[in-house]
Amino acid sequence: DEKLCANLHYAQCRRLGQLKKARVFQIRQS
């Protein structure tokens, strides 16, 4: 999320509450 916030437009959407904090999904296989 910190890396994504380097994009000013993304950071603005986060500040405005339009987007929640980014997350990670670990894929187990295939």
Full PDB file with SEQRES, HELIX, SHEET, SSBOND, CRYST1, ORIGX, SCALE, CONECT and MASTER records, all heavy atoms in Angstrom:
SEQRES   1 A   30  ASP GLU LYS LEU CYS ALA ASN LEU HIS TYR ALA GLN CYS          
SEQRES   2 A   30  ARG ARG LEU GLY GLN LEU LYS LYS ALA ARG VAL PHE GLN          
SEQRES   3 A   30  ILE ARG GLN SER                                              
HELIX    1 AA1 LEU A    4  ALA A    6  5                                   3    
HELIX    2 AA2 LEU A    8  ARG A   15  1                                   8    
CRYST1    1.000    1.000    1.000  90.00  90.00  90.00 P 1           1          
ORIGX1      1.000000  0.000000  0.000000        0.00000                         
ORIGX2      0.000000  1.000000  0.000000        0.00000                         
ORIGX3      0.000000  0.000000  1.000000        0.00000                         
SCALE1      1.000000  0.000000  0.000000        0.00000                         
SCALE2      0.000000  1.000000  0.000000        0.00000                         
SCALE3      0.000000  0.000000  1.000000        0.00000                         
ATOM      1  N   ASP A   1       0.821  -1.213   0.000  1.00  0.00           N  
ATOM      2  CA  ASP A   1       0.000   0.000   0.000  1.00  0.00           C  
ATOM      3  C   ASP A   1       0.856   1.265   0.000  1.00  0.00           C  
ATOM      4  O   ASP A   1       0.533   2.237  -0.675  1.00  0.00           O  
ATOM      5  CB  ASP A   1      -0.965   0.000   1.185  1.00  0.00           C  
ATOM      6  CG  ASP A   1      -2.137   0.940   0.963  1.00  0.00           C  
ATOM      7  OD1 ASP A   1      -2.895   0.727  -0.001  1.00  0.00           O  
ATOM      8  OD2 ASP A   1      -2.275   1.901   1.740  1.00  0.00           O  
ATOM      9  N   GLU A   2       1.961   1.237   0.724  1.00  0.00           N  
ATOM     10  CA  GLU A   2       2.882   2.386   0.721  1.00  0.00           C  
ATOM     11  C   GLU A   2       3.433   2.633  -0.677  1.00  0.00           C  
ATOM     12  O   GLU A   2       3.513   3.776  -1.135  1.00  0.00           O  
ATOM     13  CB  GLU A   2       4.046   2.138   1.687  1.00  0.00           C  
ATOM     14  CG  GLU A   2       3.672   2.237   3.135  1.00  0.00           C  
ATOM     15  CD  GLU A   2       4.795   1.762   4.053  1.00  0.00           C  
ATOM     16  OE1 GLU A   2       5.953   1.613   3.579  1.00  0.00           O  
ATOM     17  OE2 GLU A   2       4.518   1.529   5.241  1.00  0.00           O  
ATOM     18  N   LYS A   3       3.813   1.562  -1.368  1.00  0.00           N  
ATOM     19  CA  LYS A   3       4.348   1.681  -2.730  1.00  0.00           C  
ATOM     20  C   LYS A   3       3.275   2.206  -3.688  1.00  0.00           C  
ATOM     21  O   LYS A   3       3.551   3.034  -4.552  1.00  0.00           O  
ATOM     22  CB  LYS A   3       4.870   0.338  -3.238  1.00  0.00           C  
ATOM     23  CG  LYS A   3       6.092  -0.158  -2.520  1.00  0.00           C  
ATOM     24  CD  LYS A   3       7.317   0.579  -2.992  1.00  0.00           C  
ATOM     25  CE  LYS A   3       8.579  -0.033  -2.431  1.00  0.00           C  
ATOM     26  NZ  LYS A   3       9.756   0.717  -2.801  1.00  0.00           N  
ATOM     27  N   LEU A   4       2.042   1.731  -3.530  1.00  0.00           N  
ATOM     28  CA  LEU A   4       0.951   2.210  -4.380  1.00  0.00           C  
ATOM     29  C   LEU A   4       0.682   3.695  -4.144  1.00  0.00           C  
ATOM     30  O   LEU A   4       0.344   4.429  -5.065  1.00  0.00           O  
ATOM     31  CB  LEU A   4      -0.322   1.401  -4.137  1.00  0.00           C  
ATOM     32  CG  LEU A   4      -0.383   0.040  -4.822  1.00  0.00           C  
ATOM     33  CD1 LEU A   4      -1.492  -0.816  -4.222  1.00  0.00           C  
ATOM     34  CD2 LEU A   4      -0.575   0.197  -6.319  1.00  0.00           C  
ATOM     35  N   CYS A   5       0.838   4.144  -2.911  1.00  0.00           N  
ATOM     36  CA  CYS A   5       0.596   5.553  -2.579  1.00  0.00           C  
ATOM     37  C   CYS A   5       1.638   6.490  -3.175  1.00  0.00           C  
ATOM     38  O   CYS A   5       1.475   7.711  -3.134  1.00  0.00           O  
ATOM     39  CB  CYS A   5       0.494   5.741  -1.069  1.00  0.00           C  
ATOM     40  SG  CYS A   5      -1.110   5.212  -0.409  1.00  0.00           S  
ATOM     41  N   ALA A   6       2.700   5.941  -3.767  1.00  0.00           N  
ATOM     42  CA  ALA A   6       3.652   6.776  -4.512  1.00  0.00           C  
ATOM     43  C   ALA A   6       2.972   7.366  -5.743  1.00  0.00           C  
ATOM     44  O   ALA A   6       3.407   8.384  -6.279  1.00  0.00           O  
ATOM     45  CB  ALA A   6       4.876   5.962  -4.921  1.00  0.00           C  
ATOM     46  N   ASN A   7       1.885   6.733  -6.180  1.00  0.00           N  
ATOM     47  CA  ASN A   7       1.059   7.269  -7.253  1.00  0.00           C  
ATOM     48  C   ASN A   7       0.096   8.275  -6.595  1.00  0.00           C  
ATOM     49  O   ASN A   7      -0.749   7.902  -5.773  1.00  0.00           O  
ATOM     50  CB  ASN A   7       0.280   6.135  -7.926  1.00  0.00           C  
ATOM     51  CG  ASN A   7      -0.703   6.608  -8.963  1.00  0.00           C  
ATOM     52  OD1 ASN A   7      -1.482   7.526  -8.736  1.00  0.00           O  
ATOM     53  ND2 ASN A   7      -0.689   5.969 -10.105  1.00  0.00           N  
ATOM     54  N   LEU A   8       0.233   9.541  -6.936  1.00  0.00           N  
ATOM     55  CA  LEU A   8      -0.560  10.594  -6.280  1.00  0.00           C  
ATOM     56  C   LEU A   8      -2.059  10.384  -6.434  1.00  0.00           C  
ATOM     57  O   LEU A   8      -2.823  10.678  -5.517  1.00  0.00           O  
ATOM     58  CB  LEU A   8      -0.162  11.959  -6.840  1.00  0.00           C  
ATOM     59  CG  LEU A   8       1.288  12.371  -6.596  1.00  0.00           C  
ATOM     60  CD1 LEU A   8       1.591  13.691  -7.293  1.00  0.00           C  
ATOM     61  CD2 LEU A   8       1.565  12.480  -5.112  1.00  0.00           C  
ATOM     62  N   HIS A   9      -2.478   9.881  -7.584  1.00  0.00           N  
ATOM     63  CA  HIS A   9      -3.915   9.666  -7.811  1.00  0.00           C  
ATOM     64  C   HIS A   9      -4.439   8.539  -6.926  1.00  0.00           C  
ATOM     65  O   HIS A   9      -5.536   8.644  -6.365  1.00  0.00           O  
ATOM     66  CB  HIS A   9      -4.172   9.361  -9.285  1.00  0.00           C  
ATOM     67  CG  HIS A   9      -3.728  10.445 -10.206  1.00  0.00           C  
ATOM     68  ND1 HIS A   9      -4.367  11.662 -10.289  1.00  0.00           N  
ATOM     69  CD2 HIS A   9      -2.690  10.509 -11.070  1.00  0.00           C  
ATOM     70  CE1 HIS A   9      -3.746  12.423 -11.167  1.00  0.00           C  
ATOM     71  NE2 HIS A   9      -2.716  11.753 -11.660  1.00  0.00           N  
ATOM     72  N   TYR A  10      -3.659   7.476  -6.795  1.00  0.00           N  
ATOM     73  CA  TYR A  10      -4.040   6.379  -5.906  1.00  0.00           C  
ATOM     74  C   TYR A  10      -4.095   6.885  -4.462  1.00  0.00           C  
ATOM     75  O   TYR A  10      -5.052   6.608  -3.733  1.00  0.00           O  
ATOM     76  CB  TYR A  10      -3.056   5.214  -6.029  1.00  0.00           C  
ATOM     77  CG  TYR A  10      -3.350   4.083  -5.074  1.00  0.00           C  
ATOM     78  CD1 TYR A  10      -4.227   3.063  -5.423  1.00  0.00           C  
ATOM     79  CD2 TYR A  10      -2.774   4.042  -3.803  1.00  0.00           C  
ATOM     80  CE1 TYR A  10      -4.514   2.030  -4.544  1.00  0.00           C  
ATOM     81  CE2 TYR A  10      -3.056   3.015  -2.916  1.00  0.00           C  
ATOM     82  CZ  TYR A  10      -3.927   2.021  -3.296  1.00  0.00           C  
ATOM     83  OH  TYR A  10      -4.218   1.003  -2.409  1.00  0.00           O  
ATOM     84  N   ALA A  11      -3.079   7.625  -4.062  1.00  0.00           N  
ATOM     85  CA  ALA A  11      -3.019   8.159  -2.691  1.00  0.00           C  
ATOM     86  C   ALA A  11      -4.234   9.040  -2.395  1.00  0.00           C  
ATOM     87  O   ALA A  11      -4.802   8.979  -1.301  1.00  0.00           O  
ATOM     88  CB  ALA A  11      -1.726   8.941  -2.488  1.00  0.00           C  
ATOM     89  N   GLN A  12      -4.647   9.829  -3.375  1.00  0.00           N  
ATOM     90  CA  GLN A  12      -5.827  10.685  -3.201  1.00  0.00           C  
ATOM     91  C   GLN A  12      -7.089   9.841  -3.015  1.00  0.00           C  
ATOM     92  O   GLN A  12      -7.924  10.146  -2.154  1.00  0.00           O  
ATOM     93  CB  GLN A  12      -5.976  11.629  -4.408  1.00  0.00           C  
ATOM     94  CG  GLN A  12      -7.178  12.542  -4.344  1.00  0.00           C  
ATOM     95  CD  GLN A  12      -7.064  13.621  -3.282  1.00  0.00           C  
ATOM     96  OE1 GLN A  12      -6.040  13.783  -2.631  1.00  0.00           O  
ATOM     97  NE2 GLN A  12      -8.106  14.374  -3.105  1.00  0.00           N  
ATOM     98  N   CYS A  13      -7.228   8.779  -3.785  1.00  0.00           N  
ATOM     99  CA  CYS A  13      -8.388   7.888  -3.635  1.00  0.00           C  
ATOM    100  C   CYS A  13      -8.396   7.227  -2.258  1.00  0.00           C  
ATOM    101  O   CYS A  13      -9.459   7.038  -1.672  1.00  0.00           O  
ATOM    102  CB  CYS A  13      -8.382   6.822  -4.736  1.00  0.00           C  
ATOM    103  SG  CYS A  13      -8.787   7.473  -6.365  1.00  0.00           S  
ATOM    104  N   ARG A  14      -7.213   6.895  -1.743  1.00  0.00           N  
ATOM    105  CA  ARG A  14      -7.130   6.327  -0.397  1.00  0.00           C  
ATOM    106  C   ARG A  14      -7.527   7.364   0.651  1.00  0.00           C  
ATOM    107  O   ARG A  14      -8.297   7.069   1.564  1.00  0.00           O  
ATOM    108  CB  ARG A  14      -5.695   5.833  -0.117  1.00  0.00           C  
ATOM    109  CG  ARG A  14      -5.305   4.610  -0.897  1.00  0.00           C  
ATOM    110  CD  ARG A  14      -5.798   3.301  -0.298  1.00  0.00           C  
ATOM    111  NE  ARG A  14      -5.078   3.036   0.939  1.00  0.00           N  
ATOM    112  CZ  ARG A  14      -5.648   2.949   2.139  1.00  0.00           C  
ATOM    113  NH1 ARG A  14      -6.940   3.082   2.280  1.00  0.00           N  
ATOM    114  NH2 ARG A  14      -4.925   2.715   3.212  1.00  0.00           N  
ATOM    115  N   ARG A  15      -7.035   8.608   0.505  1.00  0.00           N  
ATOM    116  CA  ARG A  15      -7.370   9.675   1.465  1.00  0.00           C  
ATOM    117  C   ARG A  15      -8.866   9.970   1.473  1.00  0.00           C  
ATOM    118  O   ARG A  15      -9.445  10.251   2.519  1.00  0.00           O  
ATOM    119  CB  ARG A  15      -6.603  10.956   1.136  1.00  0.00           C  
ATOM    120  CG  ARG A  15      -5.206  11.009   1.709  1.00  0.00           C  
ATOM    121  CD  ARG A  15      -4.589  12.398   1.633  1.00  0.00           C  
ATOM    122  NE  ARG A  15      -4.428  12.864   0.268  1.00  0.00           N  
ATOM    123  CZ  ARG A  15      -3.409  12.556  -0.535  1.00  0.00           C  
ATOM    124  NH1 ARG A  15      -2.463  11.757  -0.098  1.00  0.00           N  
ATOM    125  NH2 ARG A  15      -3.340  13.037  -1.756  1.00  0.00           N  
ATOM    126  N   LEU A  16      -9.491   9.906   0.302  1.00  0.00           N  
ATOM    127  CA  LEU A  16     -10.922  10.190   0.195  1.00  0.00           C  
ATOM    128  C   LEU A  16     -11.794   9.007   0.609  1.00  0.00           C  
ATOM    129  O   LEU A  16     -13.012   9.124   0.669  1.00  0.00           O  
ATOM    130  CB  LEU A  16     -11.270  10.593  -1.249  1.00  0.00           C  
ATOM    131  CG  LEU A  16     -10.670  11.907  -1.739  1.00  0.00           C  
ATOM    132  CD1 LEU A  16     -10.946  12.097  -3.226  1.00  0.00           C  
ATOM    133  CD2 LEU A  16     -11.233  13.074  -0.938  1.00  0.00           C  
ATOM    134  N   GLY A  17     -11.175   7.869   0.887  1.00  0.00           N  
ATOM    135  CA  GLY A  17     -11.932   6.685   1.295  1.00  0.00           C  
ATOM    136  C   GLY A  17     -12.578   5.956   0.132  1.00  0.00           C  
ATOM    137  O   GLY A  17     -13.432   5.088   0.342  1.00  0.00           O  
ATOM    138  N   GLN A  18     -12.186   6.266  -1.100  1.00  0.00           N  
ATOM    139  CA  GLN A  18     -12.745   5.582  -2.259  1.00  0.00           C  
ATOM    140  C   GLN A  18     -12.167   4.185  -2.418  1.00  0.00           C  
ATOM    141  O   GLN A  18     -12.815   3.303  -2.974  1.00  0.00           O  
ATOM    142  CB  GLN A  18     -12.482   6.396  -3.534  1.00  0.00           C  
ATOM    143  CG  GLN A  18     -13.189   7.730  -3.535  1.00  0.00           C  
ATOM    144  CD  GLN A  18     -12.715   8.633  -4.654  1.00  0.00           C  
ATOM    145  OE1 GLN A  18     -11.521   8.758  -4.915  1.00  0.00           O  
ATOM    146  NE2 GLN A  18     -13.662   9.272  -5.313  1.00  0.00           N  
ATOM    147  N   LEU A  19     -10.947   4.005  -1.943  1.00  0.00           N  
ATOM    148  CA  LEU A  19     -10.293   2.701  -1.974  1.00  0.00           C  
ATOM    149  C   LEU A  19      -9.795   2.352  -0.575  1.00  0.00           C  
ATOM    150  O   LEU A  19      -9.294   3.212   0.144  1.00  0.00           O  
ATOM    151  CB  LEU A  19      -9.088   2.720  -2.934  1.00  0.00           C  
ATOM    152  CG  LEU A  19      -9.394   2.790  -4.420  1.00  0.00           C  
ATOM    153  CD1 LEU A  19      -8.119   3.053  -5.212  1.00  0.00           C  
ATOM    154  CD2 LEU A  19     -10.057   1.504  -4.899  1.00  0.00           C  
ATOM    155  N   LYS A  20      -9.955   1.086  -0.203  1.00  0.00           N  
ATOM    156  CA  LYS A  20      -9.407   0.584   1.051  1.00  0.00           C  
ATOM    157  C   LYS A  20      -7.939   0.228   0.846  1.00  0.00           C  
ATOM    158  O   LYS A  20      -7.453   0.146  -0.285  1.00  0.00           O  
ATOM    159  CB  LYS A  20     -10.165  -0.669   1.496  1.00  0.00           C  
ATOM    160  CG  LYS A  20     -11.622  -0.432   1.826  1.00  0.00           C  
ATOM    161  CD  LYS A  20     -12.261  -1.754   2.186  1.00  0.00           C  
ATOM    162  CE  LYS A  20     -13.758  -1.614   2.374  1.00  0.00           C  
ATOM    163  NZ  LYS A  20     -14.405  -2.929   2.600  1.00  0.00           N  
ATOM    164  N   LYS A  21      -7.271  -0.027   1.945  1.00  0.00           N  
ATOM    165  CA  LYS A  21      -5.863  -0.421   1.912  1.00  0.00           C  
ATOM    166  C   LYS A  21      -5.687  -1.675   1.050  1.00  0.00           C  
ATOM    167  O   LYS A  21      -6.489  -2.622   1.126  1.00  0.00           O  
ATOM    168  CB  LYS A  21      -5.391  -0.697   3.338  1.00  0.00           C  
ATOM    169  CG  LYS A  21      -3.972  -1.122   3.455  1.00  0.00           C  
ATOM    170  CD  LYS A  21      -3.644  -1.316   4.932  1.00  0.00           C  
ATOM    171  CE  LYS A  21      -2.554  -2.327   5.094  1.00  0.00           C  
ATOM    172  NZ  LYS A  21      -2.318  -2.619   6.494  1.00  0.00           N  
ATOM    173  N   ALA A  22      -4.630  -1.683   0.245  1.00  0.00           N  
ATOM    174  CA  ALA A  22      -4.326  -2.834  -0.607  1.00  0.00           C  
ATOM    175  C   ALA A  22      -4.001  -4.053   0.251  1.00  0.00           C  
ATOM    176  O   ALA A  22      -3.558  -3.928   1.393  1.00  0.00           O  
ATOM    177  CB  ALA A  22      -3.155  -2.507  -1.528  1.00  0.00           C  
ATOM    178  N   ARG A  23      -4.213  -5.224  -0.329  1.00  0.00           N  
ATOM    179  CA  ARG A  23      -3.904  -6.445   0.396  1.00  0.00           C  
ATOM    180  C   ARG A  23      -3.228  -7.455  -0.517  1.00  0.00           C  
ATOM    181  O   ARG A  23      -3.124  -7.243  -1.726  1.00  0.00           O  
ATOM    182  CB  ARG A  23      -5.159  -7.028   1.042  1.00  0.00           C  
ATOM    183  CG  ARG A  23      -6.298  -7.297   0.097  1.00  0.00           C  
ATOM    184  CD  ARG A  23      -7.537  -7.646   0.887  1.00  0.00           C  
ATOM    185  NE  ARG A  23      -8.676  -7.857  -0.001  1.00  0.00           N  
ATOM    186  CZ  ARG A  23      -9.828  -8.330   0.410  1.00  0.00           C  
ATOM    187  NH1 ARG A  23     -10.002  -8.637   1.667  1.00  0.00           N  
ATOM    188  NH2 ARG A  23     -10.816  -8.487  -0.431  1.00  0.00           N  
ATOM    189  N   VAL A  24      -2.798  -8.546   0.082  1.00  0.00           N  
ATOM    190  CA  VAL A  24      -2.075  -9.587  -0.644  1.00  0.00           C  
ATOM    191  C   VAL A  24      -2.844 -10.897  -0.502  1.00  0.00           C  
ATOM    192  O   VAL A  24      -3.307 -11.235   0.581  1.00  0.00           O  
ATOM    193  CB  VAL A  24      -0.635  -9.750  -0.103  1.00  0.00           C  
ATOM    194  CG1 VAL A  24       0.086 -10.904  -0.784  1.00  0.00           C  
ATOM    195  CG2 VAL A  24       0.141  -8.451  -0.272  1.00  0.00           C  
ATOM    196  N   PHE A  25      -2.964 -11.606  -1.616  1.00  0.00           N  
ATOM    197  CA  PHE A  25      -3.606 -12.920  -1.654  1.00  0.00           C  
ATOM    198  C   PHE A  25      -2.544 -13.928  -2.035  1.00  0.00           C  
ATOM    199  O   PHE A  25      -1.948 -13.832  -3.106  1.00  0.00           O  
ATOM    200  CB  PHE A  25      -4.734 -12.916  -2.696  1.00  0.00           C  
ATOM    201  CG  PHE A  25      -5.564 -14.167  -2.745  1.00  0.00           C  
ATOM    202  CD1 PHE A  25      -6.759 -14.240  -2.055  1.00  0.00           C  
ATOM    203  CD2 PHE A  25      -5.169 -15.259  -3.512  1.00  0.00           C  
ATOM    204  CE1 PHE A  25      -7.553 -15.384  -2.121  1.00  0.00           C  
ATOM    205  CE2 PHE A  25      -5.948 -16.401  -3.584  1.00  0.00           C  
ATOM    206  CZ  PHE A  25      -7.141 -16.471  -2.888  1.00  0.00           C  
ATOM    207  N   GLN A  26      -2.257 -14.871  -1.138  1.00  0.00           N  
ATOM    208  CA  GLN A  26      -1.250 -15.884  -1.455  1.00  0.00           C  
ATOM    209  C   GLN A  26      -1.928 -17.072  -2.114  1.00  0.00           C  
ATOM    210  O   GLN A  26      -2.769 -17.747  -1.520  1.00  0.00           O  
ATOM    211  CB  GLN A  26      -0.475 -16.337  -0.216  1.00  0.00           C  
ATOM    212  CG  GLN A  26       0.632 -17.308  -0.598  1.00  0.00           C  
ATOM    213  CD  GLN A  26       1.632 -17.559   0.506  1.00  0.00           C  
ATOM    214  OE1 GLN A  26       1.453 -17.136   1.638  1.00  0.00           O  
ATOM    215  NE2 GLN A  26       2.698 -18.264   0.156  1.00  0.00           N  
ATOM    216  N   ILE A  27      -1.536 -17.313  -3.359  1.00  0.00           N  
ATOM    217  CA  ILE A  27      -2.067 -18.429  -4.142  1.00  0.00           C  
ATOM    218  C   ILE A  27      -1.293 -19.680  -3.752  1.00  0.00           C  
ATOM    219  O   ILE A  27      -0.063 -19.670  -3.712  1.00  0.00           O  
ATOM    220  CB  ILE A  27      -1.923 -18.140  -5.652  1.00  0.00           C  
ATOM    221  CG1 ILE A  27      -2.633 -16.830  -6.008  1.00  0.00           C  
ATOM    222  CG2 ILE A  27      -2.468 -19.298  -6.470  1.00  0.00           C  
ATOM    223  CD1 ILE A  27      -2.300 -16.292  -7.390  1.00  0.00           C  
ATOM    224  N   ARG A  28      -2.004 -20.740  -3.477  1.00  0.00           N  
ATOM    225  CA  ARG A  28      -1.366 -21.967  -2.999  1.00  0.00           C  
ATOM    226  C   ARG A  28      -0.838 -22.845  -4.134  1.00  0.00           C  
ATOM    227  O   ARG A  28       0.154 -23.527  -3.973  1.00  0.00           O  
ATOM    228  CB  ARG A  28      -2.333 -22.780  -2.137  1.00  0.00           C  
ATOM    229  CG  ARG A  28      -2.691 -22.086  -0.860  1.00  0.00           C  
ATOM    230  CD  ARG A  28      -1.511 -22.091   0.082  1.00  0.00           C  
ATOM    231  NE  ARG A  28      -1.806 -21.262   1.240  1.00  0.00           N  
ATOM    232  CZ  ARG A  28      -0.910 -20.585   1.902  1.00  0.00           C  
ATOM    233  NH1 ARG A  28       0.343 -20.614   1.563  1.00  0.00           N  
ATOM    234  NH2 ARG A  28      -1.257 -19.853   2.923  1.00  0.00           N  
ATOM    235  N   GLN A  29      -1.522 -22.858  -5.283  1.00  0.00           N  
ATOM    236  CA  GLN A  29      -1.064 -23.729  -6.365  1.00  0.00           C  
ATOM    237  C   GLN A  29      -1.706 -23.357  -7.694  1.00  0.00           C  
ATOM    238  O   GLN A  29      -2.776 -22.775  -7.733  1.00  0.00           O  
ATOM    239  CB  GLN A  29      -1.359 -25.196  -6.053  1.00  0.00           C  
ATOM    240  CG  GLN A  29      -2.850 -25.504  -5.932  1.00  0.00           C  
ATOM    241  CD  GLN A  29      -3.105 -26.946  -5.555  1.00  0.00           C  
ATOM    242  OE1 GLN A  29      -2.199 -27.652  -5.151  1.00  0.00           O  
ATOM    243  NE2 GLN A  29      -4.331 -27.389  -5.692  1.00  0.00           N  
ATOM    244  N   SER A  30      -0.997 -23.674  -8.760  1.00  0.00           N  
ATOM    245  CA  SER A  30      -1.498 -23.618 -10.139  1.00  0.00           C  
ATOM    246  C   SER A  30      -2.036 -22.265 -10.576  1.00  0.00           C  
ATOM    247  O   SER A  30      -3.038 -22.185 -11.278  1.00  0.00           O  
ATOM    248  CB  SER A  30      -2.574 -24.681 -10.349  1.00  0.00           C  
ATOM    249  OG  SER A  30      -2.119 -25.943  -9.956  1.00  0.00           O  
TER     250      SER A  30                                                      
MASTER        0    0    0    2    0    0    0    6  249    1    0    3          
END                                                                             
